[in-house]
């Protein structure tokens, strides 16, 4: 997935990464793992950070898409999301408190905080469709402020 995103991102005006594919993946076993033991140790290795790599690549060039990431946190929401935004060099980070029972996972509503170049803006509890629309409004503002930063913008929407 990393290769596919990195090869196509230069053709997009906006890249929204709503979730990481996986932060860690199992290490490949050199041979078949035989069953029979009572326990098994699974070794995980860190996977490439697609959003972070997009941000670093754009940092070294004046061109590149508007980058939007999400920070799903259970504590220190604003601080961790702002740190993630700075570390990954993205335009907007959507801070999402996944500890709330009325927002986020397994419900149809959410409440987030959009953190961008002009500070943070809370979006109150509402439908996820409304949250998505509000986020796209913020993306349009960033696009209007910076214009297209790609060689060839597109109007494709991919889910």
N, C-alpha and C. Protein backbone atom coordinates (compact mmCIF):
# COMPACT_ATOMS: atom_id res chain seq x y z
N UNK A 1 0.83 -1.19 0.00
CA UNK A 1 0.00 0.00 0.00
C UNK A 1 0.88 1.26 0.00
N UNK A 2 1.97 1.22 0.74
CA UNK A 2 2.88 2.35 0.81
C UNK A 2 3.33 2.76 -0.59
N UNK A 3 3.79 1.78 -1.37
CA UNK A 3 4.27 2.07 -2.73
C UNK A 3 3.17 2.68 -3.58
N UNK A 4 1.97 2.12 -3.50
CA UNK A 4 0.85 2.60 -4.32
C UNK A 4 0.49 4.04 -3.98
N UNK A 5 0.40 4.36 -2.71
CA UNK A 5 0.05 5.72 -2.30
C UNK A 5 1.15 6.69 -2.69
N UNK A 6 2.39 6.34 -2.40
CA UNK A 6 3.51 7.24 -2.70
C UNK A 6 3.62 7.51 -4.21
N UNK A 7 3.31 6.51 -5.03
CA UNK A 7 3.44 6.70 -6.48
C UNK A 7 2.32 7.55 -7.06
N UNK A 8 1.18 7.62 -6.38
CA UNK A 8 0.03 8.36 -6.92
C UNK A 8 -0.22 9.70 -6.25
N UNK A 9 0.35 9.93 -5.11
CA UNK A 9 0.03 11.13 -4.33
C UNK A 9 0.37 12.42 -5.08
N UNK A 10 1.39 12.41 -5.91
CA UNK A 10 1.77 13.60 -6.66
C UNK A 10 0.73 14.03 -7.67
N UNK A 11 -0.22 13.16 -7.97
CA UNK A 11 -1.28 13.48 -8.93
C UNK A 11 -2.54 14.01 -8.24
N UNK A 12 -2.53 14.04 -6.93
CA UNK A 12 -3.71 14.44 -6.16
C UNK A 12 -3.55 15.83 -5.56
N UNK A 13 -4.65 16.53 -5.43
CA UNK A 13 -4.64 17.81 -4.72
C UNK A 13 -4.79 17.61 -3.22
N UNK A 14 -5.46 16.53 -2.82
CA UNK A 14 -5.73 16.26 -1.41
C UNK A 14 -5.55 14.77 -1.15
N UNK A 15 -4.89 14.43 -0.04
CA UNK A 15 -4.81 13.05 0.42
C UNK A 15 -5.33 13.04 1.86
N UNK A 16 -6.39 12.28 2.09
CA UNK A 16 -6.97 12.14 3.42
C UNK A 16 -6.72 10.71 3.89
N UNK A 17 -5.97 10.59 4.96
CA UNK A 17 -5.65 9.28 5.52
C UNK A 17 -6.41 9.14 6.84
N UNK A 18 -7.58 8.51 6.77
CA UNK A 18 -8.45 8.41 7.94
C UNK A 18 -7.99 7.36 8.94
N UNK A 19 -7.15 6.43 8.51
CA UNK A 19 -6.67 5.40 9.43
C UNK A 19 -5.38 4.80 8.88
N UNK A 20 -4.52 4.38 9.77
CA UNK A 20 -3.31 3.67 9.36
C UNK A 20 -3.70 2.25 8.95
N UNK A 21 -3.01 1.73 7.96
CA UNK A 21 -3.26 0.35 7.55
C UNK A 21 -2.97 -0.56 8.74
N UNK A 22 -1.81 -0.41 9.31
CA UNK A 22 -1.40 -1.12 10.53
C UNK A 22 -0.09 -0.49 10.98
N UNK A 23 0.03 -0.23 12.26
CA UNK A 23 1.28 0.34 12.77
C UNK A 23 2.37 -0.72 12.86
N UNK A 24 1.96 -1.96 13.07
CA UNK A 24 2.91 -3.07 13.18
C UNK A 24 2.38 -4.26 12.39
N UNK A 25 3.30 -5.07 11.91
CA UNK A 25 2.93 -6.28 11.17
C UNK A 25 3.77 -7.44 11.70
N UNK A 26 3.26 -8.66 11.60
CA UNK A 26 4.05 -9.80 12.09
C UNK A 26 5.28 -10.04 11.22
N UNK A 27 6.34 -10.38 11.87
CA UNK A 27 7.57 -10.74 11.15
C UNK A 27 7.33 -12.07 10.45
N UNK A 28 7.83 -12.20 9.23
CA UNK A 28 7.65 -13.45 8.49
C UNK A 28 8.49 -14.55 9.14
N UNK A 29 7.87 -15.69 9.29
CA UNK A 29 8.60 -16.84 9.82
C UNK A 29 9.44 -17.45 8.70
N UNK A 30 10.67 -17.84 9.00
CA UNK A 30 11.51 -18.41 7.95
C UNK A 30 11.02 -19.77 7.46
N UNK A 31 10.19 -20.41 8.25
CA UNK A 31 9.62 -21.70 7.87
C UNK A 31 8.26 -21.83 8.53
N UNK A 32 7.56 -22.89 8.22
CA UNK A 32 6.25 -23.11 8.83
C UNK A 32 6.40 -23.21 10.34
N UNK A 33 5.48 -22.54 11.04
CA UNK A 33 5.47 -22.61 12.49
C UNK A 33 4.69 -23.86 12.88
N UNK A 34 5.35 -24.76 13.55
CA UNK A 34 4.71 -26.01 13.95
C UNK A 34 3.85 -25.79 15.18
N UNK A 35 2.66 -26.37 15.18
CA UNK A 35 1.84 -26.26 16.37
C UNK A 35 2.23 -27.34 17.35
N UNK A 36 1.82 -27.14 18.56
CA UNK A 36 2.14 -28.12 19.58
C UNK A 36 2.58 -27.46 20.87
N UNK A 37 3.22 -26.33 20.77
CA UNK A 37 3.65 -25.62 21.98
C UNK A 37 2.44 -24.96 22.64
N UNK A 38 2.51 -24.79 23.95
CA UNK A 38 1.42 -24.15 24.68
C UNK A 38 1.37 -22.65 24.42
N UNK A 39 2.51 -22.05 24.12
CA UNK A 39 2.57 -20.61 23.85
C UNK A 39 3.33 -20.38 22.56
N UNK A 40 3.12 -19.22 22.01
CA UNK A 40 3.80 -18.82 20.78
C UNK A 40 4.17 -17.35 20.92
N UNK A 41 5.39 -17.03 20.62
CA UNK A 41 5.82 -15.64 20.65
C UNK A 41 5.71 -15.08 19.25
N UNK A 42 4.98 -14.01 19.13
CA UNK A 42 4.78 -13.35 17.84
C UNK A 42 5.63 -12.09 17.82
N UNK A 43 6.53 -11.98 16.87
CA UNK A 43 7.40 -10.81 16.75
C UNK A 43 6.77 -9.85 15.75
N UNK A 44 6.61 -8.60 16.15
CA UNK A 44 6.05 -7.57 15.28
C UNK A 44 7.13 -6.57 14.89
N UNK A 45 7.01 -6.03 13.70
CA UNK A 45 7.92 -4.97 13.28
C UNK A 45 7.10 -3.77 12.82
N UNK A 46 7.68 -2.60 12.94
CA UNK A 46 7.00 -1.36 12.57
C UNK A 46 6.82 -1.32 11.05
N UNK A 47 5.66 -0.89 10.61
CA UNK A 47 5.39 -0.76 9.18
C UNK A 47 5.70 0.67 8.74
N UNK A 48 5.85 0.90 7.44
CA UNK A 48 6.11 2.27 6.97
C UNK A 48 4.96 3.20 7.34
N UNK A 49 5.29 4.43 7.67
CA UNK A 49 4.30 5.45 8.01
C UNK A 49 3.97 6.21 6.72
N UNK A 50 2.89 5.82 6.08
CA UNK A 50 2.54 6.40 4.79
C UNK A 50 2.33 7.90 4.89
N UNK A 51 1.52 8.34 5.84
CA UNK A 51 1.24 9.77 5.99
C UNK A 51 2.51 10.54 6.34
N UNK A 52 3.30 10.02 7.25
CA UNK A 52 4.55 10.68 7.62
C UNK A 52 5.50 10.78 6.45
N UNK A 53 5.59 9.73 5.64
CA UNK A 53 6.46 9.77 4.47
C UNK A 53 5.96 10.77 3.43
N UNK A 54 4.64 10.88 3.27
CA UNK A 54 4.09 11.90 2.36
C UNK A 54 4.45 13.29 2.86
N UNK A 55 4.31 13.52 4.16
CA UNK A 55 4.63 14.83 4.73
C UNK A 55 6.10 15.17 4.58
N UNK A 56 6.98 14.21 4.83
CA UNK A 56 8.41 14.47 4.70
C UNK A 56 8.80 14.72 3.25
N UNK A 57 8.17 13.99 2.33
CA UNK A 57 8.47 14.20 0.91
C UNK A 57 8.02 15.59 0.47
N UNK A 58 6.85 16.02 0.95
CA UNK A 58 6.36 17.34 0.58
C UNK A 58 7.22 18.44 1.20
N UNK A 59 7.75 18.17 2.38
CA UNK A 59 8.60 19.14 3.08
C UNK A 59 9.83 19.49 2.24
N UNK A 60 10.33 18.51 1.50
CA UNK A 60 11.53 18.75 0.70
C UNK A 60 11.22 19.32 -0.68
N UNK A 61 9.95 19.58 -0.95
CA UNK A 61 9.54 20.12 -2.25
C UNK A 61 8.41 21.12 -2.03
N UNK A 62 8.30 22.07 -2.90
CA UNK A 62 7.22 23.06 -2.78
C UNK A 62 5.89 22.47 -3.24
N UNK A 63 5.95 21.34 -3.90
CA UNK A 63 4.73 20.73 -4.43
C UNK A 63 4.28 19.57 -3.55
N UNK A 64 3.03 19.22 -3.73
CA UNK A 64 2.48 18.08 -3.00
C UNK A 64 1.06 18.36 -2.59
N UNK A 65 0.31 17.31 -2.34
CA UNK A 65 -1.10 17.48 -1.99
C UNK A 65 -1.29 18.05 -0.60
N UNK A 66 -2.48 18.59 -0.37
CA UNK A 66 -2.89 18.92 0.99
C UNK A 66 -3.02 17.59 1.73
N UNK A 67 -2.43 17.52 2.91
CA UNK A 67 -2.43 16.27 3.66
C UNK A 67 -3.30 16.40 4.90
N UNK A 68 -4.17 15.41 5.08
CA UNK A 68 -5.08 15.37 6.23
C UNK A 68 -4.92 14.01 6.91
N UNK A 69 -4.65 14.05 8.20
CA UNK A 69 -4.52 12.82 8.98
C UNK A 69 -5.47 12.82 10.15
N UNK A 70 -5.58 11.69 10.80
CA UNK A 70 -6.44 11.54 11.97
C UNK A 70 -5.61 11.05 13.13
N UNK A 71 -5.96 11.51 14.33
CA UNK A 71 -5.30 11.07 15.55
C UNK A 71 -6.36 10.51 16.48
N UNK A 72 -6.43 9.20 16.57
CA UNK A 72 -7.36 8.54 17.49
C UNK A 72 -6.64 8.37 18.82
N UNK A 73 -7.12 9.06 19.84
CA UNK A 73 -6.44 9.07 21.13
C UNK A 73 -7.43 8.78 22.26
N UNK A 74 -6.90 8.31 23.37
CA UNK A 74 -7.72 8.07 24.56
C UNK A 74 -7.40 9.04 25.69
N UNK A 75 -6.28 9.76 25.59
CA UNK A 75 -5.92 10.76 26.59
C UNK A 75 -4.98 11.79 25.95
N UNK A 76 -4.89 12.94 26.58
CA UNK A 76 -4.05 14.04 26.08
C UNK A 76 -4.32 14.31 24.60
N UNK A 77 -5.59 14.40 24.25
CA UNK A 77 -6.03 14.48 22.86
C UNK A 77 -5.36 15.61 22.09
N UNK A 78 -5.50 16.84 22.56
CA UNK A 78 -4.95 17.97 21.81
C UNK A 78 -3.44 17.92 21.70
N UNK A 79 -2.77 17.64 22.79
CA UNK A 79 -1.30 17.62 22.77
C UNK A 79 -0.77 16.54 21.83
N UNK A 80 -1.33 15.35 21.91
CA UNK A 80 -0.85 14.26 21.06
C UNK A 80 -1.17 14.51 19.59
N UNK A 81 -2.35 15.04 19.32
CA UNK A 81 -2.72 15.32 17.93
C UNK A 81 -1.85 16.43 17.35
N UNK A 82 -1.60 17.49 18.11
CA UNK A 82 -0.74 18.58 17.63
C UNK A 82 0.68 18.07 17.38
N UNK A 83 1.15 17.21 18.26
CA UNK A 83 2.49 16.62 18.09
C UNK A 83 2.54 15.78 16.81
N UNK A 84 1.49 15.02 16.57
CA UNK A 84 1.42 14.19 15.37
C UNK A 84 1.39 15.07 14.11
N UNK A 85 0.63 16.15 14.16
CA UNK A 85 0.56 17.07 13.01
C UNK A 85 1.94 17.62 12.68
N UNK A 86 2.66 18.05 13.70
CA UNK A 86 3.99 18.62 13.49
C UNK A 86 4.98 17.56 13.00
N UNK A 87 4.95 16.40 13.61
CA UNK A 87 5.89 15.33 13.27
C UNK A 87 5.69 14.83 11.84
N UNK A 88 4.44 14.76 11.41
CA UNK A 88 4.15 14.22 10.08
C UNK A 88 4.07 15.29 9.00
N UNK A 89 4.14 16.57 9.40
CA UNK A 89 4.12 17.69 8.46
C UNK A 89 2.86 17.68 7.59
N UNK A 90 1.70 17.56 8.27
CA UNK A 90 0.43 17.57 7.55
C UNK A 90 -0.27 18.91 7.75
N UNK A 91 -1.18 19.23 6.85
CA UNK A 91 -1.91 20.49 6.92
C UNK A 91 -2.96 20.46 8.02
N UNK A 92 -3.73 19.38 8.07
CA UNK A 92 -4.80 19.25 9.06
C UNK A 92 -4.68 17.90 9.75
N UNK A 93 -4.95 17.90 11.04
CA UNK A 93 -5.06 16.64 11.77
C UNK A 93 -6.40 16.67 12.47
N UNK A 94 -7.12 15.58 12.40
CA UNK A 94 -8.44 15.49 13.02
C UNK A 94 -8.28 14.69 14.31
N UNK A 95 -8.42 15.37 15.44
CA UNK A 95 -8.26 14.74 16.75
C UNK A 95 -9.56 14.08 17.15
N UNK A 96 -9.49 12.82 17.47
CA UNK A 96 -10.66 11.99 17.71
C UNK A 96 -10.51 11.28 19.05
N UNK A 97 -11.34 11.63 20.03
CA UNK A 97 -11.29 11.01 21.35
C UNK A 97 -12.05 9.69 21.30
N UNK A 98 -11.31 8.59 21.16
CA UNK A 98 -11.96 7.29 21.00
C UNK A 98 -12.38 6.66 22.33
N UNK A 99 -12.15 7.35 23.43
CA UNK A 99 -12.60 6.85 24.73
C UNK A 99 -14.06 7.22 25.00
N UNK A 100 -14.60 8.15 24.23
CA UNK A 100 -16.00 8.56 24.42
C UNK A 100 -16.94 7.44 23.98
N UNK A 101 -18.00 7.25 24.74
CA UNK A 101 -18.97 6.21 24.38
C UNK A 101 -19.99 6.70 23.35
N UNK A 102 -20.14 8.03 23.23
CA UNK A 102 -21.14 8.59 22.31
C UNK A 102 -20.53 9.05 20.99
N UNK A 103 -19.25 8.80 20.79
CA UNK A 103 -18.57 9.28 19.59
C UNK A 103 -17.51 8.27 19.16
N UNK A 104 -17.19 8.31 17.87
CA UNK A 104 -16.10 7.47 17.38
C UNK A 104 -16.55 6.09 16.95
N UNK A 105 -15.89 5.09 17.48
CA UNK A 105 -16.14 3.70 17.06
C UNK A 105 -17.50 3.20 17.51
N UNK A 106 -18.11 2.39 16.67
CA UNK A 106 -19.35 1.66 16.99
C UNK A 106 -20.58 2.53 17.20
N UNK A 107 -20.54 3.80 16.85
CA UNK A 107 -21.72 4.67 16.91
C UNK A 107 -21.78 5.50 15.63
N UNK A 108 -22.92 6.12 15.38
CA UNK A 108 -23.11 6.90 14.15
C UNK A 108 -22.77 8.37 14.31
N UNK A 109 -22.26 8.74 15.48
CA UNK A 109 -21.93 10.15 15.74
C UNK A 109 -20.46 10.28 16.11
N UNK A 110 -19.99 11.52 16.00
CA UNK A 110 -18.62 11.79 16.39
C UNK A 110 -18.50 13.26 16.79
N UNK A 111 -17.47 13.56 17.53
CA UNK A 111 -17.09 14.92 17.88
C UNK A 111 -15.58 14.95 17.76
N UNK A 112 -15.05 15.87 16.99
CA UNK A 112 -13.61 15.92 16.74
C UNK A 112 -13.10 17.34 16.92
N UNK A 113 -11.79 17.46 16.90
CA UNK A 113 -11.15 18.77 16.90
C UNK A 113 -10.27 18.82 15.67
N UNK A 114 -10.49 19.81 14.82
CA UNK A 114 -9.67 20.00 13.62
C UNK A 114 -8.51 20.91 14.01
N UNK A 115 -7.29 20.42 13.83
CA UNK A 115 -6.10 21.21 14.14
C UNK A 115 -5.39 21.52 12.83
N UNK A 116 -5.22 22.80 12.57
CA UNK A 116 -4.60 23.23 11.33
C UNK A 116 -3.62 24.36 11.55
N UNK A 117 -3.22 25.00 10.48
CA UNK A 117 -2.23 26.07 10.58
C UNK A 117 -2.71 27.28 11.39
N UNK A 118 -4.02 27.44 11.49
CA UNK A 118 -4.58 28.59 12.22
C UNK A 118 -5.08 28.22 13.61
N UNK A 119 -4.68 27.07 14.14
CA UNK A 119 -5.11 26.67 15.47
C UNK A 119 -6.07 25.50 15.43
N UNK A 120 -6.86 25.37 16.50
CA UNK A 120 -7.77 24.23 16.60
C UNK A 120 -9.22 24.70 16.63
N UNK A 121 -10.08 23.84 16.10
CA UNK A 121 -11.50 24.15 16.03
C UNK A 121 -12.31 22.90 16.36
N UNK A 122 -13.03 22.92 17.48
CA UNK A 122 -13.84 21.74 17.82
C UNK A 122 -15.08 21.65 16.94
N UNK A 123 -15.41 20.44 16.53
CA UNK A 123 -16.66 20.17 15.84
C UNK A 123 -17.51 19.37 16.81
N UNK A 124 -18.69 19.88 17.19
CA UNK A 124 -19.49 19.24 18.24
C UNK A 124 -20.06 17.90 17.80
N UNK A 125 -20.59 17.16 18.76
CA UNK A 125 -21.20 15.86 18.50
C UNK A 125 -22.29 16.00 17.44
N UNK A 126 -22.15 15.23 16.38
CA UNK A 126 -23.10 15.24 15.28
C UNK A 126 -22.90 13.99 14.44
N UNK A 127 -23.67 13.84 13.39
CA UNK A 127 -23.54 12.65 12.55
C UNK A 127 -22.16 12.62 11.91
N UNK A 128 -21.70 11.42 11.62
CA UNK A 128 -20.40 11.29 10.97
C UNK A 128 -20.42 11.89 9.57
N UNK A 129 -21.57 11.84 8.90
CA UNK A 129 -21.69 12.47 7.59
C UNK A 129 -21.48 13.98 7.70
N UNK A 130 -22.04 14.60 8.73
CA UNK A 130 -21.89 16.04 8.94
C UNK A 130 -20.43 16.37 9.30
N UNK A 131 -19.82 15.53 10.12
CA UNK A 131 -18.40 15.72 10.47
C UNK A 131 -17.56 15.68 9.20
N UNK A 132 -17.81 14.69 8.34
CA UNK A 132 -17.06 14.56 7.09
C UNK A 132 -17.22 15.80 6.23
N UNK A 133 -18.43 16.31 6.12
CA UNK A 133 -18.69 17.51 5.35
C UNK A 133 -17.94 18.71 5.93
N UNK A 134 -17.96 18.85 7.25
CA UNK A 134 -17.25 19.95 7.91
C UNK A 134 -15.74 19.85 7.69
N UNK A 135 -15.20 18.63 7.73
CA UNK A 135 -13.77 18.44 7.48
C UNK A 135 -13.44 18.86 6.05
N UNK A 136 -14.27 18.47 5.09
CA UNK A 136 -14.02 18.86 3.70
C UNK A 136 -14.10 20.37 3.52
N UNK A 137 -14.96 21.05 4.28
CA UNK A 137 -14.98 22.52 4.25
C UNK A 137 -13.63 23.08 4.66
N UNK A 138 -13.01 22.49 5.69
CA UNK A 138 -11.69 22.97 6.15
C UNK A 138 -10.62 22.68 5.11
N UNK A 139 -10.73 21.53 4.44
CA UNK A 139 -9.79 21.19 3.37
C UNK A 139 -9.90 22.21 2.24
N UNK A 140 -11.12 22.59 1.89
CA UNK A 140 -11.32 23.60 0.84
C UNK A 140 -10.65 24.92 1.22
N UNK A 141 -10.70 25.29 2.48
CA UNK A 141 -10.03 26.52 2.93
C UNK A 141 -8.52 26.43 2.72
N UNK A 142 -7.94 25.28 3.05
CA UNK A 142 -6.50 25.11 2.86
C UNK A 142 -6.17 25.17 1.37
N UNK A 143 -6.98 24.51 0.54
CA UNK A 143 -6.76 24.56 -0.91
C UNK A 143 -6.85 25.99 -1.44
N UNK A 144 -7.85 26.72 -0.97
CA UNK A 144 -8.02 28.11 -1.42
C UNK A 144 -6.83 28.97 -1.02
N UNK A 145 -6.28 28.71 0.15
CA UNK A 145 -5.15 29.51 0.63
C UNK A 145 -3.86 29.19 -0.12
N UNK A 146 -3.70 27.94 -0.54
CA UNK A 146 -2.43 27.52 -1.15
C UNK A 146 -2.54 27.20 -2.63
N UNK A 147 -3.74 27.02 -3.14
CA UNK A 147 -3.90 26.63 -4.53
C UNK A 147 -3.43 25.20 -4.74
N UNK A 148 -3.53 24.73 -5.96
CA UNK A 148 -3.08 23.38 -6.28
C UNK A 148 -1.58 23.31 -6.16
N UNK A 149 -1.09 22.32 -5.44
CA UNK A 149 0.35 22.15 -5.26
C UNK A 149 0.85 20.91 -5.98
N UNK A 150 0.03 20.40 -6.88
CA UNK A 150 0.43 19.20 -7.61
C UNK A 150 0.66 19.55 -9.06
N UNK A 151 1.34 18.66 -9.75
CA UNK A 151 1.59 18.86 -11.17
C UNK A 151 0.31 18.77 -11.98
N UNK A 152 -0.57 17.90 -11.56
CA UNK A 152 -1.83 17.72 -12.27
C UNK A 152 -2.91 17.34 -11.27
N UNK A 153 -3.74 18.28 -10.91
CA UNK A 153 -4.81 18.00 -9.95
C UNK A 153 -5.86 17.11 -10.57
N UNK A 154 -6.61 16.43 -9.73
CA UNK A 154 -7.68 15.57 -10.22
C UNK A 154 -8.93 15.85 -9.40
N UNK A 155 -10.03 15.36 -9.89
CA UNK A 155 -11.26 15.49 -9.13
C UNK A 155 -11.75 14.11 -8.68
N UNK A 156 -10.85 13.15 -8.62
CA UNK A 156 -11.22 11.80 -8.24
C UNK A 156 -11.44 11.71 -6.74
N UNK A 157 -12.43 10.96 -6.37
CA UNK A 157 -12.66 10.65 -4.96
C UNK A 157 -12.53 9.14 -4.82
N UNK A 158 -11.66 8.72 -3.94
CA UNK A 158 -11.46 7.28 -3.74
C UNK A 158 -11.71 6.96 -2.29
N UNK A 159 -12.42 5.88 -2.03
CA UNK A 159 -12.74 5.50 -0.66
C UNK A 159 -11.85 4.44 -0.11
